[in-house]
Amino acid sequence: MITSKQRAELRAKANEIETTLMVGKEGVTDALVEELSRQLEARELVKGKVLETALMSAREVSDQLCEALHAEGIQCVGNKFVVWRRSETLAKKTGTAKAKFKVNPVRAGAQKRRAAAKAERERRNEYFKQTAIEFAKQRRRAEQDGEK
């Protein structure tokens, strides 16, 4: 499962690629599934088009293909759809084990600062809690000594 940020990045990449898969009047066939599988291994990101003669929508075709190939449906607009699946062979060729997605350094820095501030608050709260417990113990001892 990919995040919405990763999906948005893949949608941006899909704008630049050409449509390489055509779905005709026969719909989703075994040959179409095999062809898409080959294309996903070669490219990871494939754009397809559902012709007017097909009796299915782009969303239906995308869902069926994604289910058959364990892929992710990235986008469906009009009669076009985009499918993504991480390719093992492409990862071996490029030397990357996972698909690379951009990391926002500003967001990462803000998350680190928030985590550090939270840890500091928790440390401070624990200190004041322990101080209050010690003060209560001292007061109780003083009260018990005063009664004797």
Protein backbone atom coordinates (compact mmCIF):
# COMPACT_ATOMS: atom_id res chain seq x y z
CA MET A 1 0.00 0.00 0.00
CA ILE A 2 1.35 3.41 -0.91
CA THR A 3 0.70 6.74 0.74
CA SER A 4 -1.21 9.63 -0.77
CA LYS A 5 2.05 11.58 -1.21
CA GLN A 6 3.58 8.71 -3.14
CA ARG A 7 0.41 8.39 -5.21
CA ALA A 8 0.55 12.11 -6.04
CA GLU A 9 4.18 11.81 -7.13
CA LEU A 10 3.32 8.85 -9.37
CA ARG A 11 0.40 10.79 -10.88
CA ALA A 12 2.83 13.58 -11.73
CA LYS A 13 5.19 11.09 -13.41
CA ALA A 14 2.27 9.54 -15.31
CA ASN A 15 1.53 12.86 -17.05
CA GLU A 16 4.77 12.52 -19.00
CA ILE A 17 4.42 8.91 -20.16
CA GLU A 18 2.65 7.68 -23.28
CA THR A 19 -0.36 5.36 -23.32
CA THR A 20 1.00 1.87 -23.98
CA LEU A 21 -1.95 -0.37 -23.14
CA MET A 22 -5.24 -0.48 -25.05
CA VAL A 23 -8.36 -2.27 -23.81
CA GLY A 24 -10.73 -3.15 -26.63
CA LYS A 25 -14.20 -4.64 -26.94
CA GLU A 26 -13.15 -7.97 -25.40
CA GLY A 27 -12.34 -6.26 -22.10
CA VAL A 28 -9.88 -7.76 -19.64
CA THR A 29 -8.44 -10.96 -21.12
CA ASP A 30 -5.56 -13.21 -20.09
CA ALA A 31 -3.44 -11.78 -22.90
CA LEU A 32 -4.08 -8.26 -21.64
CA VAL A 33 -3.13 -9.24 -18.08
CA GLU A 34 0.10 -10.87 -19.31
CA GLU A 35 0.99 -7.83 -21.41
CA LEU A 36 0.40 -5.48 -18.49
CA SER A 37 2.51 -7.72 -16.26
CA ARG A 38 5.39 -7.51 -18.77
CA GLN A 39 5.06 -3.74 -18.99
CA LEU A 40 4.97 -3.33 -15.21
CA GLU A 41 8.17 -5.38 -14.87
CA ALA A 42 9.85 -3.20 -17.49
CA ARG A 43 8.53 0.23 -16.41
CA GLU A 44 6.70 0.02 -13.04
CA LEU A 45 4.25 2.72 -14.21
CA VAL A 46 1.87 2.02 -17.11
CA LYS A 47 -0.83 4.19 -18.64
CA GLY A 48 -3.74 2.50 -20.38
CA LYS A 49 -6.76 3.53 -22.41
CA VAL A 50 -10.19 1.93 -22.65
CA LEU A 51 -11.58 2.21 -26.16
CA GLU A 52 -15.17 3.28 -26.78
CA THR A 53 -16.08 -0.18 -28.09
CA ALA A 54 -15.34 -1.73 -24.70
CA LEU A 55 -18.37 -2.16 -22.48
CA MET A 56 -16.42 -1.31 -19.33
CA SER A 57 -15.30 1.91 -17.69
CA ALA A 58 -11.67 2.76 -17.01
CA ARG A 59 -12.24 2.31 -13.27
CA GLU A 60 -13.64 -1.22 -13.74
CA VAL A 61 -10.75 -2.22 -15.98
CA SER A 62 -8.19 -0.71 -13.60
CA ASP A 63 -9.70 -2.48 -10.59
CA GLN A 64 -9.75 -5.87 -12.35
CA LEU A 65 -6.17 -5.52 -13.58
CA CYS A 66 -4.91 -4.35 -10.18
CA GLU A 67 -6.60 -7.27 -8.47
CA ALA A 68 -5.19 -9.78 -10.95
CA LEU A 69 -1.61 -8.42 -10.76
CA HIS A 70 -1.47 -7.18 -7.15
CA ALA A 71 -0.77 -3.67 -8.43
CA GLU A 72 -1.89 -0.22 -7.30
CA GLY A 73 -4.40 1.83 -9.25
CA ILE A 74 -2.93 5.32 -9.33
CA GLN A 75 -5.42 7.32 -11.36
CA CYS A 76 -8.52 7.05 -13.56
CA VAL A 77 -9.50 10.04 -15.66
CA GLY A 78 -12.06 9.71 -18.43
CA ASN A 79 -11.17 6.63 -20.44
CA LYS A 80 -7.52 6.49 -19.27
CA PHE A 81 -6.04 4.82 -16.23
CA VAL A 82 -2.60 4.47 -14.61
CA VAL A 83 -1.33 1.37 -12.81
CA TRP A 84 1.85 0.98 -10.71
CA ARG A 85 3.65 -2.02 -9.29
CA ARG A 86 7.19 -2.22 -7.90
CA SER A 87 9.40 -4.15 -10.30
CA GLU A 88 12.00 -6.57 -8.91
CA THR A 89 13.97 -6.73 -12.16
CA LEU A 90 14.06 -2.94 -12.48
CA ALA A 91 15.19 -2.65 -8.87
CA LYS A 92 18.05 -5.08 -9.54
CA LYS A 93 19.13 -3.15 -12.66
CA THR A 94 19.14 0.22 -10.92
CA GLY A 95 20.45 -1.16 -7.63
CA THR A 96 17.55 0.07 -5.52
CA ALA A 97 15.51 -2.27 -3.40
CA LYS A 98 12.53 0.05 -3.08
CA ALA A 99 10.93 2.69 -5.23
CA LYS A 100 12.39 6.07 -4.41
CA PHE A 101 10.03 8.83 -3.40
CA LYS A 102 11.00 12.37 -2.58
CA VAL A 103 11.38 13.32 1.06
CA ASN A 104 10.32 16.80 2.10
CA PRO A 105 13.20 18.14 4.24
CA VAL A 106 11.07 20.90 5.75
CA ARG A 107 8.44 18.43 6.92
CA ALA A 108 11.11 16.03 8.21
CA GLY A 109 12.74 18.84 10.23
CA ALA A 110 9.41 19.93 11.66
CA GLN A 111 8.61 16.35 12.68
CA LYS A 112 11.99 16.03 14.44
CA ARG A 113 11.44 19.32 16.30
CA ARG A 114 7.96 18.24 17.40
CA ALA A 115 9.28 14.89 18.62
CA ALA A 116 12.10 16.62 20.56
CA ALA A 117 9.62 19.08 22.13
CA LYS A 118 7.31 16.23 23.12
CA ALA A 119 10.20 14.31 24.73
CA GLU A 120 11.23 17.47 26.65
CA ARG A 121 7.63 18.01 27.88
CA GLU A 122 7.39 14.41 29.03
CA ARG A 123 10.75 14.67 30.84
CA ARG A 124 9.69 17.91 32.53
CA ASN A 125 6.30 16.50 33.54
CA GLU A 126 7.95 13.43 35.04
CA TYR A 127 10.32 15.66 37.04
CA PHE A 128 7.45 17.74 38.46
CA LYS A 129 5.43 14.62 39.21
CA GLN A 130 8.31 13.09 41.18
CA THR A 131 8.89 16.41 42.99
CA ALA A 132 5.22 16.61 43.98
CA ILE A 133 5.31 13.02 45.27
CA GLU A 134 8.42 13.75 47.37
CA PHE A 135 6.82 16.94 48.75
CA ALA A 136 3.65 15.03 49.68
CA LYS A 137 5.72 12.37 51.47
CA GLN A 138 7.60 15.04 53.43
CA ARG A 139 4.37 16.78 54.39
CA ARG A 140 2.83 13.49 55.52
CA ARG A 141 5.92 12.72 57.65
CA ALA A 142 5.78 16.21 59.16
CA GLU A 143 2.07 15.78 60.00
CA GLN A 144 2.74 12.36 61.55
CA ASP A 145 5.65 13.77 63.59
CA GLY A 146 3.44 16.66 64.78
CA GLU A 147 0.76 14.26 66.07
CA LYS A 148 3.21 12.31 68.21
